[in-house]
Amino acid sequence: MATAFLSLTTVRRPFSHSLQILLMEVKYEFLKNLRLRMYSVSVVFFPVMFYILFGLVLGRQGSDHIHMASYLIATYGTFGVMGASLFGTAASLAAERGLGWLQVKRASPMPPAIYFVAKVIMAMIFSAEVVFLLMLLGFFFGGVRMPVTEALRLLGILVVGSVPFCAMGLALGYFIGPNSAPPTINMIYLPMSFCSGLWVPLMFLPSIMRHIAEFLPPYHLSQLALGVSGAGQGEPALRHWFVLVGFTLICLGIARIGFQRDEGKTYG
C-alpha cells in the first residue's frame, strides 16, 4: 500500500533546489572519475600522447608541420572527446547498473534525469580539458597561431560535440555488462575513430574509407572542428550538425528503451 502511494505521489520542488542537486551530483561525478586513474589518465593521456608523437615530433619532419599541428588539434580533439564521453557514460553506467547503484539512486528523492545529465556534464568537462591541453601543446610547442575567437569557437564545437557520444554511451550502458563494457567500447570507439580519419587524414586512406566515414558521427564532428581553421572538406556545416543531432536523438531513444526495460524488471 505504501509503495503504491509513493509511486503515485509527485514530488514538486523549486527549480533552484533541482539545480543545487544537479550541481552536487556533477561535483561528485567529476571527483569520482578524477580519482579513477583508469578513466582520468587514459582519456587525457592517449589523445595527448598521439598529438605529441604525430603532431609535434613526426610532424616537424615535414615542411608544413605548423599546418599539421593545427590540423591534428581538431582530429585528436575529436578523438579525445569521444573517449571522455563514451567511457564516462557507457562504462560508468554499466558498472553502476551491475552494482545496483541505480536502484539506490532511484529510491532517493533525486529526479532520475539529474543522474544522466550529471554524467553528460562531467564528460563535457573532461572533453574541455583534453581539447585545452591539445591547444596549449600546439600553441607553445607546435607553432600554431590561432585567434582567441577561433580557439574558443573550436573549443565550443568540440565540447558541444561530446553530447552525441554521451548519448551513445548512455545507450550502450544499458545493453552491456560491467565487465564487458571497456572492451566493447574499445571495439566500437577505436575502429570508428580510424575510419573517420581521426588518426590518418582521409586523403591518405582508400576511397572506400571516405565513403564509410560519411556515415560515422566522428567524421562530422571533426569536419566541423576542421572547418574553424579552413581545413575541412568544404561541406555545409548544417549537414554535419543535422547528422549529429539525428544520431543523438536515435541514441537517446535507445537509451530510453533500456531505461524502461530496467524499470520494468525492477518495479514492474
Protein backbone atom coordinates (compact mmCIF):
# COMPACT_ATOMS: atom_id res chain seq x y z
CA MET A 1 0.00 0.00 0.00
CA ALA A 2 2.82 2.39 0.93
CA THR A 3 4.68 1.52 -2.29
CA ALA A 4 1.58 2.21 -4.36
CA PHE A 5 1.07 5.54 -2.58
CA LEU A 6 4.70 6.61 -3.17
CA SER A 7 4.54 5.63 -6.83
CA LEU A 8 1.51 7.88 -7.32
CA THR A 9 2.98 10.79 -5.38
CA THR A 10 4.68 13.52 -7.40
CA VAL A 11 7.47 15.34 -5.59
CA ARG A 12 7.48 19.02 -6.51
CA ARG A 13 10.46 21.20 -5.71
CA PRO A 14 11.63 24.68 -6.75
CA PHE A 15 13.96 24.86 -9.74
CA SER A 16 16.71 26.26 -7.52
CA HIS A 17 16.62 23.08 -5.41
CA SER A 18 16.85 20.88 -8.51
CA LEU A 19 19.77 22.99 -9.72
CA GLN A 20 21.57 22.54 -6.39
CA ILE A 21 21.07 18.79 -6.60
CA LEU A 22 22.40 18.77 -10.18
CA LEU A 23 25.50 20.77 -9.23
CA MET A 24 26.21 18.47 -6.31
CA GLU A 25 25.76 15.39 -8.50
CA VAL A 26 28.09 16.86 -11.13
CA LYS A 27 30.67 17.65 -8.46
CA TYR A 28 30.75 14.12 -7.07
CA GLU A 29 30.55 12.53 -10.52
CA PHE A 30 33.59 14.60 -11.54
CA LEU A 31 35.53 13.74 -8.37
CA LYS A 32 34.70 10.06 -8.75
CA ASN A 33 36.05 9.93 -12.31
CA LEU A 34 39.03 12.12 -11.43
CA ARG A 35 40.06 9.58 -8.78
CA LEU A 36 39.60 6.67 -11.19
CA ARG A 37 43.04 6.63 -12.79
CA MET A 38 41.87 4.21 -15.49
CA TYR A 39 39.49 6.93 -16.63
CA SER A 40 41.11 10.28 -15.82
CA VAL A 41 44.58 9.30 -17.03
CA SER A 42 43.60 7.27 -20.09
CA VAL A 43 41.09 9.72 -21.59
CA VAL A 44 43.65 12.54 -21.33
CA PHE A 45 46.85 10.56 -21.95
CA PHE A 46 46.01 8.86 -25.24
CA PRO A 47 44.97 11.89 -27.34
CA VAL A 48 47.79 13.97 -25.85
CA MET A 49 50.33 11.20 -26.49
CA PHE A 50 49.19 10.78 -30.11
CA TYR A 51 49.29 14.53 -30.65
CA ILE A 52 52.83 14.84 -29.27
CA LEU A 53 54.02 11.92 -31.40
CA PHE A 54 52.33 12.71 -34.71
CA GLY A 55 51.69 16.43 -34.43
CA LEU A 56 54.81 17.69 -32.69
CA VAL A 57 57.56 15.09 -33.18
CA LEU A 58 56.91 13.39 -36.53
CA GLY A 59 55.02 16.41 -37.84
CA ARG A 60 58.16 18.54 -37.67
CA GLN A 61 59.83 16.38 -40.29
CA GLY A 62 57.61 17.86 -42.99
CA SER A 63 57.74 21.33 -44.45
CA ASP A 64 54.18 22.03 -43.36
CA HIS A 65 54.49 21.00 -39.72
CA ILE A 66 52.58 24.01 -38.37
CA HIS A 67 49.57 23.19 -40.55
CA MET A 68 49.74 19.54 -39.39
CA ALA A 69 49.94 20.59 -35.74
CA SER A 70 46.85 22.75 -36.23
CA TYR A 71 45.02 20.05 -38.22
CA LEU A 72 45.61 17.40 -35.57
CA ILE A 73 44.23 19.57 -32.75
CA ALA A 74 40.83 19.16 -34.40
CA THR A 75 41.11 15.44 -35.17
CA TYR A 76 42.75 14.31 -31.94
CA GLY A 77 40.45 16.69 -30.10
CA THR A 78 37.52 14.76 -31.59
CA PHE A 79 39.22 11.50 -30.60
CA GLY A 80 39.66 12.74 -27.02
CA VAL A 81 36.08 13.96 -26.80
CA MET A 82 34.82 10.55 -27.91
CA GLY A 83 36.88 8.75 -25.27
CA ALA A 84 35.86 11.05 -22.43
CA SER A 85 32.20 10.79 -23.41
CA LEU A 86 31.91 7.06 -24.09
CA PHE A 87 33.93 5.85 -21.11
CA GLY A 88 32.41 8.49 -18.84
CA THR A 89 28.86 7.39 -19.61
CA ALA A 90 28.78 3.84 -21.02
CA ALA A 91 31.39 2.22 -18.76
CA SER A 92 30.20 4.16 -15.71
CA LEU A 93 26.51 3.40 -16.29
CA ALA A 94 27.16 -0.30 -16.97
CA ALA A 95 29.25 -0.60 -13.79
CA GLU A 96 26.69 1.18 -11.62
CA ARG A 97 23.86 -0.91 -13.04
CA GLY A 98 25.81 -4.03 -12.15
CA LEU A 99 26.42 -2.82 -8.60
CA GLY A 100 22.76 -1.89 -8.06
CA TRP A 101 23.68 1.77 -7.59
CA LEU A 102 20.86 2.89 -9.89
CA GLN A 103 18.32 1.29 -7.55
CA VAL A 104 19.79 3.28 -4.66
CA LYS A 105 19.56 6.47 -6.72
CA ARG A 106 16.01 5.58 -7.74
CA ALA A 107 14.99 5.21 -4.10
CA SER A 108 16.28 8.71 -3.31
CA PRO A 109 14.19 11.86 -3.97
CA MET A 110 16.60 12.93 -6.73
CA PRO A 111 14.90 13.21 -10.15
CA PRO A 112 16.21 10.40 -12.43
CA ALA A 113 17.09 12.85 -15.20
CA ILE A 114 19.65 14.59 -12.97
CA TYR A 115 21.68 11.38 -12.72
CA PHE A 116 22.10 11.24 -16.51
CA VAL A 117 22.55 14.98 -17.05
CA ALA A 118 25.34 14.99 -14.44
CA LYS A 119 27.21 12.30 -16.37
CA VAL A 120 26.91 14.30 -19.59
CA ILE A 121 28.18 17.49 -17.94
CA MET A 122 31.06 15.58 -16.34
CA ALA A 123 32.05 14.18 -19.76
CA MET A 124 31.88 17.68 -21.25
CA ILE A 125 34.24 18.97 -18.55
CA PHE A 126 36.80 16.25 -19.27
CA SER A 127 36.35 16.87 -23.01
CA ALA A 128 37.15 20.55 -22.48
CA GLU A 129 40.28 19.60 -20.52
CA VAL A 130 41.54 17.36 -23.34
CA VAL A 131 40.98 19.98 -26.04
CA PHE A 132 42.52 22.71 -23.90
CA LEU A 133 45.67 20.63 -23.33
CA LEU A 134 46.00 19.94 -27.06
CA MET A 135 45.68 23.65 -27.77
CA LEU A 136 48.35 24.52 -25.22
CA LEU A 137 50.73 21.97 -26.74
CA GLY A 138 50.04 23.29 -30.22
CA PHE A 139 50.48 26.93 -29.25
CA PHE A 140 53.67 26.51 -27.20
CA PHE A 141 55.42 23.66 -29.00
CA GLY A 142 53.80 23.29 -32.43
CA GLY A 143 53.96 26.86 -33.62
CA VAL A 144 50.17 27.02 -34.01
CA ARG A 145 48.79 30.54 -34.27
CA MET A 146 45.06 30.96 -33.81
CA PRO A 147 42.97 34.00 -32.87
CA VAL A 148 41.31 33.80 -29.46
CA THR A 149 37.85 33.85 -31.01
CA GLU A 150 38.78 30.99 -33.33
CA ALA A 151 40.26 28.96 -30.46
CA LEU A 152 37.12 29.49 -28.35
CA ARG A 153 34.94 28.50 -31.27
CA LEU A 154 36.94 25.30 -31.79
CA LEU A 155 36.75 24.50 -28.07
CA GLY A 156 32.99 25.16 -28.05
CA ILE A 157 32.33 22.96 -31.09
CA LEU A 158 34.24 20.02 -29.66
CA VAL A 159 32.71 20.32 -26.18
CA VAL A 160 29.17 20.58 -27.57
CA GLY A 161 30.09 17.76 -29.94
CA SER A 162 30.63 15.48 -26.96
CA VAL A 163 26.84 15.31 -26.39
CA PRO A 164 26.12 12.83 -29.25
CA PHE A 165 28.76 10.47 -27.88
CA CYS A 166 27.39 10.85 -24.35
CA ALA A 167 24.00 9.83 -25.75
CA MET A 168 25.69 6.88 -27.47
CA GLY A 169 27.34 5.98 -24.17
CA LEU A 170 24.01 6.02 -22.32
CA ALA A 171 22.52 3.72 -24.96
CA LEU A 172 25.47 1.32 -24.72
CA GLY A 173 25.48 1.42 -20.92
CA TYR A 174 22.01 -0.12 -20.76
CA PHE A 175 22.83 -3.06 -23.02
CA ILE A 176 26.34 -4.14 -21.98
CA GLY A 177 27.55 -5.67 -18.74
CA PRO A 178 30.01 -4.05 -16.32
CA ASN A 179 32.84 -6.47 -17.19
CA SER A 180 32.33 -6.36 -20.94
CA ALA A 181 31.88 -2.56 -21.09
CA PRO A 182 35.54 -1.45 -21.62
CA PRO A 183 36.37 -3.96 -24.39
CA THR A 184 33.02 -3.39 -26.09
CA ILE A 185 33.54 0.37 -26.06
CA ASN A 186 37.05 -0.04 -27.49
CA MET A 187 35.75 -2.33 -30.24
CA ILE A 188 33.40 0.48 -31.31
CA TYR A 189 35.43 3.56 -30.43
CA LEU A 190 38.82 2.71 -31.97
CA PRO A 191 37.69 1.44 -35.41
CA MET A 192 35.21 4.29 -35.65
CA SER A 193 38.00 6.79 -34.94
CA PHE A 194 40.27 5.30 -37.61
CA CYS A 195 37.54 5.05 -40.24
CA SER A 196 36.52 8.68 -39.57
CA GLY A 197 40.02 9.93 -40.41
CA LEU A 198 40.96 10.97 -36.89
CA TRP A 199 44.30 9.15 -36.83
CA VAL A 200 45.20 9.32 -40.52
CA PRO A 201 43.73 12.06 -42.75
CA LEU A 202 41.11 10.69 -45.12
CA MET A 203 43.11 11.86 -48.13
CA PHE A 204 45.66 9.14 -47.33
CA LEU A 205 43.07 6.37 -46.92
CA PRO A 206 41.41 4.25 -49.67
CA SER A 207 38.43 5.86 -51.36
CA ILE A 208 36.02 3.34 -49.85
CA MET A 209 37.03 4.56 -46.37
CA ARG A 210 35.99 8.07 -47.33
CA HIS A 211 32.52 6.82 -48.21
CA ILE A 212 32.27 4.88 -44.94
CA ALA A 213 33.38 7.95 -42.97
CA GLU A 214 30.36 9.96 -44.13
CA PHE A 215 28.11 7.63 -42.12
CA LEU A 216 30.12 7.99 -38.91
CA PRO A 217 29.45 10.74 -36.33
CA PRO A 218 33.16 11.38 -35.50
CA TYR A 219 33.76 12.35 -39.13
CA HIS A 220 31.08 15.02 -38.97
CA LEU A 221 32.34 16.44 -35.67
CA SER A 222 35.93 16.51 -36.92
CA GLN A 223 34.83 18.29 -40.10
CA LEU A 224 33.09 20.96 -38.03
CA ALA A 225 36.27 21.37 -35.97
CA LEU A 226 38.50 21.44 -39.06
CA GLY A 227 36.19 23.98 -40.66
CA VAL A 228 37.15 26.51 -37.97
CA SER A 229 40.66 26.74 -39.42
CA GLY A 230 39.57 26.24 -43.03
CA ALA A 231 40.98 22.71 -43.24
CA GLY A 232 37.67 20.93 -43.71
CA GLN A 233 36.31 19.38 -46.90
CA GLY A 234 34.16 22.42 -47.65
CA GLU A 235 30.87 20.68 -46.87
CA PRO A 236 27.98 22.68 -45.36
CA ALA A 237 28.24 22.88 -41.56
CA LEU A 238 24.46 22.49 -41.30
CA ARG A 239 24.72 19.00 -42.80
CA HIS A 240 27.21 17.92 -40.14
CA TRP A 241 25.08 19.33 -37.32
CA PHE A 242 22.00 17.62 -38.77
CA VAL A 243 23.74 14.23 -38.71
CA LEU A 244 24.98 14.75 -35.14
CA VAL A 245 21.57 15.85 -33.85
CA GLY A 246 19.86 12.92 -35.57
CA PHE A 247 22.41 10.50 -34.14
CA THR A 248 21.88 11.98 -30.65
CA LEU A 249 18.10 11.54 -30.84
CA ILE A 250 18.41 7.94 -32.03
CA CYS A 251 20.81 7.08 -29.20
CA LEU A 252 18.61 8.80 -26.61
CA GLY A 253 15.66 6.77 -27.90
CA ILE A 254 17.63 3.54 -27.48
CA ALA A 255 18.76 4.63 -24.00
CA ARG A 256 15.15 5.30 -23.03
CA ILE A 257 14.18 1.80 -24.15
CA GLY A 258 16.95 0.40 -21.94
CA PHE A 259 15.85 2.58 -19.03
CA GLN A 260 12.22 1.45 -19.34
CA ARG A 261 13.32 -2.18 -19.61
CA ASP A 262 15.29 -1.92 -16.36
CA GLU A 263 12.44 -0.08 -14.67
CA GLY A 264 10.02 -2.82 -15.73
CA LYS A 265 12.27 -5.57 -14.38
CA THR A 266 12.83 -3.82 -11.06
CA TYR A 267 9.47 -2.22 -10.34
CA GLY A 268 7.09 -4.00 -12.72
